[in-house]
N, C-alpha and C. Protein backbone atom coordinates (compact mmCIF):
# COMPACT_ATOMS: atom_id res chain seq x y z
N MET A 1 -9.60 20.60 -3.54
CA MET A 1 -9.10 19.47 -2.75
C MET A 1 -8.71 19.95 -1.36
N THR A 2 -9.03 19.19 -0.37
CA THR A 2 -8.72 19.53 1.00
C THR A 2 -7.51 18.76 1.46
N THR A 3 -6.60 19.43 2.15
CA THR A 3 -5.44 18.76 2.72
C THR A 3 -5.55 18.85 4.22
N THR A 4 -5.29 17.75 4.90
CA THR A 4 -5.44 17.72 6.34
C THR A 4 -4.26 17.04 6.98
N GLY A 5 -4.05 17.31 8.27
CA GLY A 5 -2.97 16.67 9.00
C GLY A 5 -3.52 15.66 9.95
N ALA A 6 -3.13 15.78 11.24
CA ALA A 6 -3.55 14.78 12.22
C ALA A 6 -5.05 14.82 12.46
N ARG A 7 -5.66 16.01 12.33
CA ARG A 7 -7.09 16.14 12.54
C ARG A 7 -7.78 16.29 11.19
N GLY A 8 -8.81 15.53 10.95
CA GLY A 8 -9.50 15.59 9.68
C GLY A 8 -10.56 16.66 9.66
N PRO A 9 -11.22 16.87 8.53
CA PRO A 9 -12.28 17.86 8.43
C PRO A 9 -13.44 17.49 9.33
N ALA A 10 -14.02 18.48 9.97
CA ALA A 10 -15.10 18.24 10.94
C ALA A 10 -16.45 18.46 10.28
N LEU A 11 -16.59 18.02 9.05
CA LEU A 11 -17.85 18.18 8.34
C LEU A 11 -18.77 17.01 8.66
N ALA A 12 -19.94 17.32 9.21
CA ALA A 12 -20.87 16.25 9.59
C ALA A 12 -21.74 15.90 8.39
N GLU A 13 -21.97 14.60 8.22
CA GLU A 13 -22.88 14.16 7.18
C GLU A 13 -24.01 13.38 7.83
N ARG A 14 -23.67 12.26 8.40
CA ARG A 14 -24.58 11.51 9.24
C ARG A 14 -23.72 10.58 10.08
N PRO A 15 -24.12 10.28 11.31
CA PRO A 15 -23.28 9.45 12.16
C PRO A 15 -23.08 8.06 11.55
N ARG A 16 -21.86 7.59 11.59
CA ARG A 16 -21.61 6.22 11.16
C ARG A 16 -21.87 5.27 12.32
N ALA A 17 -22.23 4.04 11.96
CA ALA A 17 -22.40 3.02 12.99
C ALA A 17 -21.05 2.75 13.65
N ASP A 18 -21.10 2.24 14.86
CA ASP A 18 -19.86 1.88 15.54
C ASP A 18 -19.15 0.78 14.77
N LEU A 19 -17.82 0.81 14.83
CA LEU A 19 -17.06 -0.27 14.22
C LEU A 19 -17.34 -1.58 14.95
N PRO A 20 -17.33 -2.70 14.24
CA PRO A 20 -17.61 -3.99 14.88
C PRO A 20 -16.59 -4.32 15.96
N VAL A 21 -17.03 -5.08 16.95
CA VAL A 21 -16.13 -5.53 18.01
C VAL A 21 -15.95 -7.04 17.96
N THR A 22 -16.68 -7.72 17.10
CA THR A 22 -16.55 -9.16 16.96
C THR A 22 -15.48 -9.48 15.92
N PRO A 23 -14.89 -10.69 15.96
CA PRO A 23 -13.85 -11.05 15.00
C PRO A 23 -14.35 -10.92 13.55
N MET A 24 -13.43 -10.53 12.67
CA MET A 24 -13.76 -10.34 11.26
C MET A 24 -12.72 -11.07 10.41
N ILE A 25 -13.19 -11.63 9.28
CA ILE A 25 -12.30 -12.36 8.38
C ILE A 25 -12.45 -11.80 6.97
N TRP A 26 -11.32 -11.44 6.36
CA TRP A 26 -11.31 -11.06 4.96
C TRP A 26 -10.63 -12.16 4.14
N GLN A 27 -11.21 -12.49 3.02
CA GLN A 27 -10.67 -13.51 2.12
C GLN A 27 -10.07 -12.83 0.91
N ARG A 28 -8.84 -13.23 0.55
CA ARG A 28 -8.22 -12.72 -0.66
C ARG A 28 -8.85 -13.40 -1.87
N THR A 29 -9.06 -12.63 -2.93
CA THR A 29 -9.63 -13.19 -4.16
C THR A 29 -8.63 -13.20 -5.31
N ASP A 30 -7.47 -12.55 -5.12
CA ASP A 30 -6.45 -12.57 -6.15
C ASP A 30 -5.46 -13.72 -5.95
N ARG A 31 -5.46 -14.28 -4.77
CA ARG A 31 -4.63 -15.44 -4.43
C ARG A 31 -5.23 -16.10 -3.20
N VAL A 32 -4.71 -17.24 -2.82
CA VAL A 32 -5.20 -17.89 -1.61
C VAL A 32 -4.67 -17.14 -0.39
N GLY A 33 -5.58 -16.68 0.46
CA GLY A 33 -5.14 -15.96 1.64
C GLY A 33 -6.31 -15.44 2.45
N THR A 34 -6.12 -15.29 3.74
CA THR A 34 -7.13 -14.74 4.64
C THR A 34 -6.47 -13.89 5.70
N GLU A 35 -7.25 -12.95 6.24
CA GLU A 35 -6.81 -12.18 7.41
C GLU A 35 -7.92 -12.22 8.45
N LEU A 36 -7.54 -12.57 9.67
CA LEU A 36 -8.46 -12.62 10.80
C LEU A 36 -8.11 -11.47 11.73
N VAL A 37 -9.10 -10.65 12.09
CA VAL A 37 -8.87 -9.48 12.93
C VAL A 37 -9.78 -9.53 14.14
N PHE A 38 -9.19 -9.23 15.30
CA PHE A 38 -9.94 -9.06 16.54
C PHE A 38 -9.93 -7.57 16.86
N PRO A 39 -11.00 -6.83 16.50
CA PRO A 39 -10.95 -5.37 16.54
C PRO A 39 -11.32 -4.72 17.86
N ARG A 40 -11.66 -5.51 18.86
CA ARG A 40 -12.22 -4.95 20.09
C ARG A 40 -11.19 -4.10 20.85
N GLY A 41 -11.63 -2.95 21.36
CA GLY A 41 -10.84 -2.16 22.28
C GLY A 41 -9.71 -1.36 21.64
N ALA A 42 -8.82 -0.88 22.51
CA ALA A 42 -7.72 -0.02 22.08
C ALA A 42 -6.51 -0.81 21.62
N ARG A 43 -6.53 -2.14 21.76
CA ARG A 43 -5.38 -2.96 21.36
C ARG A 43 -5.84 -4.10 20.45
N PRO A 44 -6.29 -3.76 19.26
CA PRO A 44 -6.72 -4.80 18.31
C PRO A 44 -5.55 -5.61 17.81
N SER A 45 -5.85 -6.78 17.26
CA SER A 45 -4.80 -7.65 16.73
C SER A 45 -5.33 -8.38 15.51
N GLY A 46 -4.40 -8.93 14.74
CA GLY A 46 -4.79 -9.66 13.55
C GLY A 46 -3.72 -10.64 13.12
N SER A 47 -4.10 -11.54 12.23
CA SER A 47 -3.15 -12.49 11.66
C SER A 47 -3.58 -12.79 10.23
N ALA A 48 -2.61 -13.13 9.40
CA ALA A 48 -2.89 -13.41 8.00
C ALA A 48 -2.04 -14.57 7.52
N ILE A 49 -2.59 -15.32 6.59
CA ILE A 49 -1.85 -16.37 5.87
C ILE A 49 -2.05 -16.09 4.39
N VAL A 50 -0.96 -15.95 3.65
CA VAL A 50 -1.04 -15.64 2.24
C VAL A 50 -0.17 -16.62 1.46
N ALA A 51 -0.75 -17.28 0.47
CA ALA A 51 -0.02 -18.25 -0.35
C ALA A 51 0.58 -17.54 -1.57
N GLY A 52 1.25 -18.32 -2.42
CA GLY A 52 1.85 -17.76 -3.62
C GLY A 52 3.32 -18.09 -3.72
N THR A 53 4.01 -17.43 -4.65
CA THR A 53 5.42 -17.72 -4.84
C THR A 53 6.25 -17.33 -3.63
N ARG A 54 5.78 -16.36 -2.85
CA ARG A 54 6.46 -16.02 -1.60
C ARG A 54 5.41 -16.05 -0.48
N ALA A 55 5.04 -17.26 -0.10
CA ALA A 55 4.03 -17.45 0.94
C ALA A 55 4.55 -16.93 2.28
N TYR A 56 3.62 -16.43 3.10
CA TYR A 56 4.04 -15.92 4.41
C TYR A 56 2.88 -15.95 5.39
N THR A 57 3.23 -15.91 6.66
CA THR A 57 2.26 -15.71 7.73
C THR A 57 2.60 -14.39 8.43
N LEU A 58 1.57 -13.74 8.95
CA LEU A 58 1.75 -12.43 9.58
C LEU A 58 0.90 -12.36 10.83
N THR A 59 1.45 -11.80 11.88
CA THR A 59 0.67 -11.45 13.07
C THR A 59 0.97 -10.00 13.41
N TRP A 60 -0.05 -9.28 13.88
CA TRP A 60 0.17 -7.90 14.27
C TRP A 60 -0.67 -7.53 15.49
N ASN A 61 -0.17 -6.57 16.23
CA ASN A 61 -0.87 -5.97 17.36
C ASN A 61 -0.73 -4.46 17.23
N ALA A 62 -1.84 -3.75 17.41
CA ALA A 62 -1.82 -2.30 17.26
C ALA A 62 -2.32 -1.63 18.52
N GLU A 63 -2.00 -0.36 18.65
CA GLU A 63 -2.61 0.50 19.65
C GLU A 63 -3.35 1.60 18.90
N VAL A 64 -4.64 1.76 19.21
CA VAL A 64 -5.50 2.70 18.48
C VAL A 64 -6.13 3.67 19.47
N ALA A 65 -5.97 4.97 19.21
CA ALA A 65 -6.51 6.01 20.08
C ALA A 65 -8.03 6.10 19.90
N PRO A 66 -8.72 6.77 20.83
CA PRO A 66 -10.18 6.91 20.71
C PRO A 66 -10.65 7.55 19.42
N ASP A 67 -9.80 8.39 18.79
CA ASP A 67 -10.18 9.01 17.52
C ASP A 67 -9.81 8.15 16.32
N SER A 68 -9.45 6.88 16.57
CA SER A 68 -9.09 5.90 15.53
C SER A 68 -7.72 6.13 14.92
N GLU A 69 -6.89 6.94 15.54
CA GLU A 69 -5.51 7.08 15.08
C GLU A 69 -4.70 5.87 15.55
N VAL A 70 -4.01 5.22 14.62
CA VAL A 70 -3.13 4.11 14.98
C VAL A 70 -1.83 4.70 15.50
N THR A 71 -1.54 4.46 16.77
CA THR A 71 -0.38 5.09 17.39
C THR A 71 0.85 4.18 17.41
N SER A 72 0.64 2.87 17.34
CA SER A 72 1.79 1.96 17.28
C SER A 72 1.37 0.65 16.65
N LEU A 73 2.38 -0.06 16.16
CA LEU A 73 2.13 -1.31 15.46
C LEU A 73 3.30 -2.24 15.68
N HIS A 74 3.01 -3.48 16.07
CA HIS A 74 4.03 -4.51 16.26
C HIS A 74 3.68 -5.68 15.36
N LEU A 75 4.60 -6.05 14.47
CA LEU A 75 4.34 -7.09 13.48
C LEU A 75 5.44 -8.14 13.47
N THR A 76 5.03 -9.36 13.18
CA THR A 76 5.96 -10.45 12.92
C THR A 76 5.54 -11.15 11.64
N CYS A 77 6.48 -11.29 10.71
CA CYS A 77 6.20 -11.92 9.42
C CYS A 77 7.19 -13.07 9.21
N GLN A 78 6.69 -14.21 8.73
CA GLN A 78 7.54 -15.39 8.58
C GLN A 78 7.26 -16.07 7.25
N GLY A 79 8.34 -16.44 6.56
CA GLY A 79 8.24 -17.18 5.32
C GLY A 79 9.12 -18.40 5.35
N ASP A 80 9.43 -18.95 4.21
CA ASP A 80 10.23 -20.17 4.11
C ASP A 80 11.70 -19.84 4.38
N GLY A 81 12.15 -20.13 5.59
CA GLY A 81 13.55 -19.91 5.94
C GLY A 81 13.88 -18.50 6.40
N TRP A 82 12.89 -17.66 6.63
CA TRP A 82 13.17 -16.30 7.08
C TRP A 82 12.04 -15.79 7.99
N SER A 83 12.36 -14.80 8.78
CA SER A 83 11.36 -14.14 9.61
C SER A 83 11.81 -12.71 9.89
N ARG A 84 10.83 -11.86 10.19
CA ARG A 84 11.10 -10.47 10.48
C ARG A 84 10.16 -9.97 11.56
N GLU A 85 10.65 -9.00 12.30
CA GLU A 85 9.83 -8.37 13.34
C GLU A 85 10.00 -6.86 13.25
N LEU A 86 8.91 -6.14 13.42
CA LEU A 86 8.95 -4.68 13.32
C LEU A 86 8.09 -4.07 14.41
N ARG A 87 8.63 -3.04 15.03
CA ARG A 87 7.88 -2.22 15.98
C ARG A 87 7.98 -0.77 15.51
N ILE A 88 6.85 -0.14 15.28
CA ILE A 88 6.83 1.25 14.85
C ILE A 88 5.74 1.99 15.60
N GLY A 89 6.03 3.22 15.98
CA GLY A 89 5.05 4.00 16.71
C GLY A 89 5.40 5.47 16.69
N ARG A 90 4.47 6.26 17.17
CA ARG A 90 4.68 7.70 17.21
C ARG A 90 4.66 8.17 18.65
N ALA A 91 5.48 9.20 18.91
CA ALA A 91 5.54 9.81 20.23
C ALA A 91 5.67 11.31 20.03
N GLU A 92 5.70 12.05 21.14
CA GLU A 92 5.81 13.50 21.04
C GLU A 92 7.10 13.91 20.35
N SER A 93 8.14 13.10 20.50
CA SER A 93 9.43 13.44 19.90
C SER A 93 9.54 12.98 18.45
N GLY A 94 8.53 12.27 17.93
CA GLY A 94 8.56 11.78 16.56
C GLY A 94 8.37 10.28 16.49
N TRP A 95 8.65 9.70 15.35
CA TRP A 95 8.45 8.28 15.13
C TRP A 95 9.60 7.45 15.72
N THR A 96 9.28 6.26 16.18
CA THR A 96 10.28 5.27 16.58
C THR A 96 10.09 4.03 15.72
N CYS A 97 11.17 3.34 15.43
CA CYS A 97 11.07 2.15 14.58
C CYS A 97 12.24 1.22 14.89
N ARG A 98 11.92 -0.05 15.10
CA ARG A 98 12.96 -1.05 15.34
C ARG A 98 12.61 -2.31 14.57
N ALA A 99 13.57 -2.83 13.83
CA ALA A 99 13.34 -4.02 13.01
C ALA A 99 14.39 -5.08 13.30
N GLU A 100 13.98 -6.33 13.20
CA GLU A 100 14.90 -7.47 13.35
C GLU A 100 14.69 -8.43 12.19
N HIS A 101 15.79 -9.06 11.75
CA HIS A 101 15.75 -9.98 10.62
C HIS A 101 16.40 -11.30 11.01
N ALA A 102 15.86 -12.39 10.47
CA ALA A 102 16.48 -13.71 10.65
C ALA A 102 16.29 -14.50 9.37
N GLY A 103 17.34 -15.23 8.96
CA GLY A 103 17.25 -16.06 7.77
C GLY A 103 17.47 -15.25 6.49
N ASP A 104 17.30 -15.92 5.36
CA ASP A 104 17.53 -15.33 4.05
C ASP A 104 16.20 -15.15 3.34
N ALA A 105 15.79 -13.88 3.16
CA ALA A 105 14.53 -13.56 2.50
C ALA A 105 14.74 -13.17 1.04
N GLY A 106 15.87 -13.51 0.48
CA GLY A 106 16.12 -13.25 -0.93
C GLY A 106 16.18 -11.76 -1.23
N ASP A 107 15.39 -11.32 -2.21
CA ASP A 107 15.46 -9.94 -2.67
C ASP A 107 14.45 -9.02 -1.97
N LEU A 108 13.86 -9.46 -0.87
CA LEU A 108 12.94 -8.59 -0.15
C LEU A 108 13.69 -7.38 0.42
N PRO A 109 13.11 -6.19 0.34
CA PRO A 109 13.72 -5.02 0.99
C PRO A 109 13.82 -5.25 2.50
N PHE A 110 14.75 -4.56 3.13
CA PHE A 110 14.89 -4.67 4.57
C PHE A 110 13.65 -4.11 5.27
N ALA A 111 13.32 -4.69 6.41
CA ALA A 111 12.21 -4.18 7.22
C ALA A 111 12.59 -2.84 7.83
N GLY A 112 11.57 -2.06 8.18
CA GLY A 112 11.81 -0.78 8.84
C GLY A 112 12.25 0.31 7.87
N THR A 113 12.90 1.31 8.41
CA THR A 113 13.39 2.43 7.62
C THR A 113 14.59 3.05 8.30
N GLU A 114 15.48 3.61 7.51
CA GLU A 114 16.62 4.35 8.05
C GLU A 114 16.39 5.86 7.93
N GLN A 115 15.18 6.26 7.57
CA GLN A 115 14.88 7.67 7.35
C GLN A 115 13.74 8.12 8.27
N LEU A 116 13.91 7.89 9.56
CA LEU A 116 12.88 8.26 10.51
C LEU A 116 12.58 9.76 10.47
N ASP A 117 13.61 10.57 10.27
CA ASP A 117 13.42 12.02 10.27
C ASP A 117 12.52 12.47 9.13
N ALA A 118 12.39 11.64 8.09
CA ALA A 118 11.56 12.01 6.94
C ALA A 118 10.08 11.69 7.17
N LEU A 119 9.76 10.93 8.21
CA LEU A 119 8.37 10.54 8.45
C LEU A 119 7.61 11.70 9.09
N ASP A 120 6.51 12.07 8.48
CA ASP A 120 5.69 13.17 8.95
C ASP A 120 5.04 12.80 10.28
N PRO A 121 5.17 13.65 11.32
CA PRO A 121 4.56 13.32 12.62
C PRO A 121 3.05 13.13 12.54
N ALA A 122 2.40 13.75 11.55
CA ALA A 122 0.94 13.68 11.44
C ALA A 122 0.48 12.61 10.47
N ALA A 123 1.39 11.80 9.95
CA ALA A 123 1.03 10.82 8.92
C ALA A 123 0.10 9.75 9.46
N VAL A 124 -0.75 9.24 8.58
CA VAL A 124 -1.60 8.10 8.88
C VAL A 124 -0.75 6.83 8.79
N LEU A 125 -0.84 5.98 9.81
CA LEU A 125 -0.10 4.72 9.81
C LEU A 125 -0.97 3.61 9.24
N ARG A 126 -0.50 2.99 8.17
CA ARG A 126 -1.28 1.98 7.46
C ARG A 126 -0.49 0.70 7.28
N LEU A 127 -1.16 -0.42 7.39
CA LEU A 127 -0.60 -1.72 7.05
C LEU A 127 -1.15 -2.12 5.69
N ALA A 128 -0.27 -2.34 4.73
CA ALA A 128 -0.69 -2.68 3.38
C ALA A 128 -1.56 -3.93 3.38
N ASP A 129 -2.61 -3.92 2.55
CA ASP A 129 -3.48 -5.08 2.35
C ASP A 129 -4.32 -5.45 3.56
N SER A 130 -4.38 -4.58 4.58
CA SER A 130 -5.21 -4.87 5.75
C SER A 130 -6.39 -3.92 5.78
N PRO A 131 -7.61 -4.38 5.47
CA PRO A 131 -8.76 -3.49 5.30
C PRO A 131 -9.13 -2.69 6.54
N ILE A 132 -8.91 -3.24 7.73
CA ILE A 132 -9.36 -2.51 8.92
C ILE A 132 -8.58 -1.22 9.10
N PHE A 133 -7.35 -1.16 8.60
CA PHE A 133 -6.57 0.08 8.70
C PHE A 133 -7.19 1.16 7.82
N ILE A 134 -7.86 0.78 6.77
CA ILE A 134 -8.58 1.75 5.93
C ILE A 134 -9.76 2.33 6.70
N ALA A 135 -10.49 1.49 7.41
CA ALA A 135 -11.63 1.96 8.21
C ALA A 135 -11.17 2.94 9.28
N TRP A 136 -10.05 2.63 9.94
CA TRP A 136 -9.52 3.55 10.95
C TRP A 136 -9.12 4.87 10.31
N SER A 137 -8.54 4.81 9.12
CA SER A 137 -8.14 6.04 8.43
C SER A 137 -9.35 6.92 8.12
N VAL A 138 -10.43 6.31 7.62
CA VAL A 138 -11.64 7.06 7.28
C VAL A 138 -12.18 7.77 8.52
N ARG A 139 -12.18 7.08 9.65
CA ARG A 139 -12.70 7.68 10.89
C ARG A 139 -11.76 8.75 11.42
N LYS A 140 -10.45 8.48 11.40
CA LYS A 140 -9.48 9.45 11.89
C LYS A 140 -9.57 10.76 11.11
N LEU A 141 -9.74 10.67 9.80
CA LEU A 141 -9.78 11.86 8.96
C LEU A 141 -11.14 12.56 8.98
N GLY A 142 -12.14 11.95 9.61
CA GLY A 142 -13.47 12.52 9.62
C GLY A 142 -14.06 12.60 8.23
N LEU A 143 -13.75 11.61 7.42
CA LEU A 143 -14.09 11.65 6.00
C LEU A 143 -15.60 11.51 5.79
N THR A 144 -16.15 12.37 4.94
CA THR A 144 -17.55 12.28 4.52
C THR A 144 -17.61 12.56 3.03
N VAL A 145 -18.77 12.31 2.45
CA VAL A 145 -18.96 12.64 1.04
C VAL A 145 -18.80 14.15 0.84
N LYS A 146 -19.32 14.95 1.78
CA LYS A 146 -19.26 16.40 1.66
C LYS A 146 -17.84 16.94 1.76
N SER A 147 -16.96 16.24 2.47
CA SER A 147 -15.59 16.74 2.63
C SER A 147 -14.79 16.66 1.34
N GLY A 148 -15.24 15.82 0.39
CA GLY A 148 -14.52 15.70 -0.87
C GLY A 148 -13.19 15.00 -0.69
N PRO A 149 -12.31 15.07 -1.70
CA PRO A 149 -11.00 14.42 -1.59
C PRO A 149 -10.16 15.04 -0.48
N VAL A 150 -9.49 14.19 0.30
CA VAL A 150 -8.63 14.63 1.39
C VAL A 150 -7.26 14.00 1.19
N THR A 151 -6.23 14.83 1.11
CA THR A 151 -4.88 14.35 0.85
C THR A 151 -4.05 14.41 2.12
N VAL A 152 -3.39 13.30 2.45
CA VAL A 152 -2.63 13.20 3.70
C VAL A 152 -1.33 12.44 3.47
N PRO A 153 -0.31 12.69 4.32
CA PRO A 153 0.87 11.83 4.31
C PRO A 153 0.53 10.50 4.96
N VAL A 154 1.12 9.44 4.44
CA VAL A 154 0.87 8.09 4.95
C VAL A 154 2.20 7.38 5.21
N VAL A 155 2.32 6.77 6.36
CA VAL A 155 3.43 5.86 6.66
C VAL A 155 2.88 4.45 6.48
N ARG A 156 3.43 3.74 5.51
CA ARG A 156 2.86 2.45 5.12
C ARG A 156 3.87 1.34 5.37
N VAL A 157 3.39 0.27 6.02
CA VAL A 157 4.21 -0.93 6.22
C VAL A 157 3.90 -1.90 5.10
N GLN A 158 4.90 -2.20 4.28
CA GLN A 158 4.73 -3.07 3.14
C GLN A 158 4.76 -4.54 3.56
N LEU A 159 4.07 -5.37 2.78
CA LEU A 159 4.05 -6.81 3.04
C LEU A 159 4.56 -7.57 1.82
N PRO A 160 5.33 -8.65 2.05
CA PRO A 160 5.70 -9.21 3.35
C PRO A 160 7.02 -8.68 3.92
N SER A 161 7.61 -7.66 3.29
CA SER A 161 8.94 -7.21 3.69
C SER A 161 8.96 -6.52 5.04
N LEU A 162 7.85 -5.89 5.44
CA LEU A 162 7.77 -5.02 6.61
C LEU A 162 8.61 -3.76 6.43
N ALA A 163 8.94 -3.43 5.19
CA ALA A 163 9.60 -2.16 4.90
C ALA A 163 8.63 -1.01 5.17
N VAL A 164 9.14 0.08 5.69
CA VAL A 164 8.34 1.25 6.03
C VAL A 164 8.61 2.33 4.99
N VAL A 165 7.57 2.80 4.33
CA VAL A 165 7.73 3.81 3.28
C VAL A 165 6.76 4.97 3.53
N LEU A 166 7.18 6.16 3.13
CA LEU A 166 6.36 7.35 3.28
C LEU A 166 5.81 7.75 1.92
N GLY A 167 4.54 8.09 1.87
CA GLY A 167 3.92 8.54 0.63
C GLY A 167 2.82 9.53 0.92
N THR A 168 2.19 9.98 -0.14
CA THR A 168 1.05 10.89 -0.05
C THR A 168 -0.14 10.23 -0.72
N VAL A 169 -1.27 10.22 -0.03
CA VAL A 169 -2.45 9.51 -0.50
C VAL A 169 -3.67 10.44 -0.43
N THR A 170 -4.55 10.30 -1.41
CA THR A 170 -5.82 11.04 -1.40
C THR A 170 -6.97 10.07 -1.17
N TYR A 171 -7.73 10.33 -0.10
CA TYR A 171 -8.93 9.56 0.21
C TYR A 171 -10.13 10.34 -0.32
N HIS A 172 -11.01 9.64 -1.03
CA HIS A 172 -12.21 10.30 -1.56
C HIS A 172 -13.40 9.39 -1.34
N LEU A 173 -14.27 9.80 -0.43
CA LEU A 173 -15.50 9.05 -0.18
C LEU A 173 -16.50 9.46 -1.25
N VAL A 174 -16.53 8.69 -2.32
CA VAL A 174 -17.36 9.02 -3.48
C VAL A 174 -18.84 8.97 -3.13
N SER A 175 -19.21 7.98 -2.31
CA SER A 175 -20.56 7.85 -1.77
C SER A 175 -20.41 7.24 -0.38
N PRO A 176 -21.48 7.20 0.42
CA PRO A 176 -21.34 6.61 1.75
C PRO A 176 -20.80 5.18 1.75
N GLN A 177 -20.96 4.48 0.64
CA GLN A 177 -20.52 3.08 0.57
C GLN A 177 -19.36 2.86 -0.42
N ARG A 178 -18.74 3.92 -0.90
CA ARG A 178 -17.64 3.71 -1.85
C ARG A 178 -16.51 4.69 -1.57
N LEU A 179 -15.30 4.13 -1.40
CA LEU A 179 -14.10 4.90 -1.10
C LEU A 179 -13.09 4.71 -2.22
N ARG A 180 -12.51 5.80 -2.68
CA ARG A 180 -11.47 5.76 -3.70
C ARG A 180 -10.18 6.27 -3.07
N ILE A 181 -9.10 5.51 -3.22
CA ILE A 181 -7.80 5.90 -2.70
C ILE A 181 -6.81 5.97 -3.86
N THR A 182 -6.16 7.12 -4.01
CA THR A 182 -5.16 7.32 -5.05
C THR A 182 -3.91 7.94 -4.42
N GLY A 183 -2.83 7.97 -5.18
CA GLY A 183 -1.62 8.58 -4.66
C GLY A 183 -0.38 7.84 -5.08
N ASP A 184 0.53 7.65 -4.13
CA ASP A 184 1.84 7.08 -4.44
C ASP A 184 1.84 5.57 -4.60
N TRP A 185 0.69 4.93 -4.41
CA TRP A 185 0.56 3.50 -4.64
C TRP A 185 -0.58 3.28 -5.63
N PRO A 186 -0.72 2.10 -6.18
CA PRO A 186 -1.79 1.88 -7.17
C PRO A 186 -3.16 2.29 -6.63
N ALA A 187 -3.93 2.96 -7.48
CA ALA A 187 -5.27 3.41 -7.08
C ALA A 187 -6.15 2.20 -6.77
N ALA A 188 -7.07 2.39 -5.83
CA ALA A 188 -7.97 1.30 -5.44
C ALA A 188 -9.32 1.86 -5.04
N THR A 189 -10.36 1.09 -5.30
CA THR A 189 -11.72 1.45 -4.91
C THR A 189 -12.26 0.38 -3.98
N PHE A 190 -12.89 0.81 -2.88
CA PHE A 190 -13.38 -0.12 -1.86
C PHE A 190 -14.87 0.11 -1.64
N GLU A 191 -15.60 -0.97 -1.44
CA GLU A 191 -17.00 -0.90 -1.02
C GLU A 191 -17.04 -0.99 0.51
N LEU A 192 -17.83 -0.11 1.13
CA LEU A 192 -17.89 -0.01 2.58
C LEU A 192 -19.29 -0.34 3.09
N ASP A 193 -19.37 -0.76 4.36
CA ASP A 193 -20.68 -0.91 5.00
C ASP A 193 -21.02 0.38 5.74
N ASP A 194 -22.09 0.37 6.51
CA ASP A 194 -22.54 1.58 7.19
C ASP A 194 -21.56 2.06 8.26
N ALA A 195 -20.70 1.18 8.73
CA ALA A 195 -19.70 1.56 9.73
C ALA A 195 -18.41 2.05 9.09
N GLY A 196 -18.34 2.02 7.75
CA GLY A 196 -17.12 2.41 7.07
C GLY A 196 -16.11 1.29 6.98
N MET A 197 -16.55 0.05 7.20
CA MET A 197 -15.66 -1.09 7.11
C MET A 197 -15.61 -1.60 5.67
N VAL A 198 -14.43 -1.96 5.21
CA VAL A 198 -14.27 -2.48 3.85
C VAL A 198 -14.94 -3.85 3.76
N VAL A 199 -15.84 -4.00 2.81
CA VAL A 199 -16.49 -5.29 2.59
C VAL A 199 -16.08 -5.92 1.26
N TYR A 200 -15.52 -5.11 0.34
CA TYR A 200 -15.18 -5.66 -0.98
C TYR A 200 -14.20 -4.74 -1.70
N GLN A 201 -13.21 -5.35 -2.34
CA GLN A 201 -12.35 -4.68 -3.30
C GLN A 201 -12.23 -5.57 -4.51
N ALA A 202 -12.72 -5.14 -5.64
CA ALA A 202 -12.77 -5.97 -6.84
C ALA A 202 -11.41 -6.54 -7.17
N GLY A 203 -11.39 -7.86 -7.39
CA GLY A 203 -10.16 -8.53 -7.79
C GLY A 203 -9.13 -8.68 -6.70
N HIS A 204 -9.50 -8.36 -5.46
CA HIS A 204 -8.48 -8.41 -4.40
C HIS A 204 -8.97 -9.06 -3.12
N LEU A 205 -10.12 -8.62 -2.56
CA LEU A 205 -10.55 -9.17 -1.28
C LEU A 205 -12.04 -8.95 -1.07
N ARG A 206 -12.60 -9.72 -0.12
CA ARG A 206 -13.98 -9.53 0.31
C ARG A 206 -14.10 -9.90 1.77
N LEU A 207 -15.05 -9.29 2.45
CA LEU A 207 -15.31 -9.61 3.85
C LEU A 207 -16.11 -10.89 3.93
N ALA A 208 -15.56 -11.88 4.62
CA ALA A 208 -16.25 -13.17 4.75
C ALA A 208 -16.95 -13.30 6.10
N ARG A 209 -16.55 -12.48 7.06
CA ARG A 209 -17.08 -12.54 8.44
C ARG A 209 -17.03 -13.97 8.93
């Protein structure tokens, strides 16, 4: 097993197609919900509507470096009688995080984190349930079939709480079109297109474009 930090393995397999620059829509299949993403440029954005017992709307704006590293993320999440806002990013001095709360969100964990010092400076920044963040992770890590499993620290923003948690995740590109992710959260398998974009996760989501 290979372990990597901010820079992934430089093993070449074959060039991947460029990531799409046109709007993309993923449809949830485990519940009613969609996510719309505008991936163009260094400041992509997205929004989601998810139904269920705790329905919510989400908007986010990210800053993404040329190597596909997510350097900052600004999110706003709103439900019935509550809303939250989170800003998280990395700098030379370490991670920064600021959260705001309004209303009563019941038993949802607080947004953000009080353990900034525990966040690994080289961690991959991920938004839970957002497929495009997986594509950025694959590119940032330089993941190929030949590289085998790659284990990295991950800073993950949970939904809908916007709680920030640190974990360790193993990415394994089983084939050019299949990615397996295991670690501190439930294991998941994703089907990818030639650009490394998630097109399907059984029982959870599919790309509707």
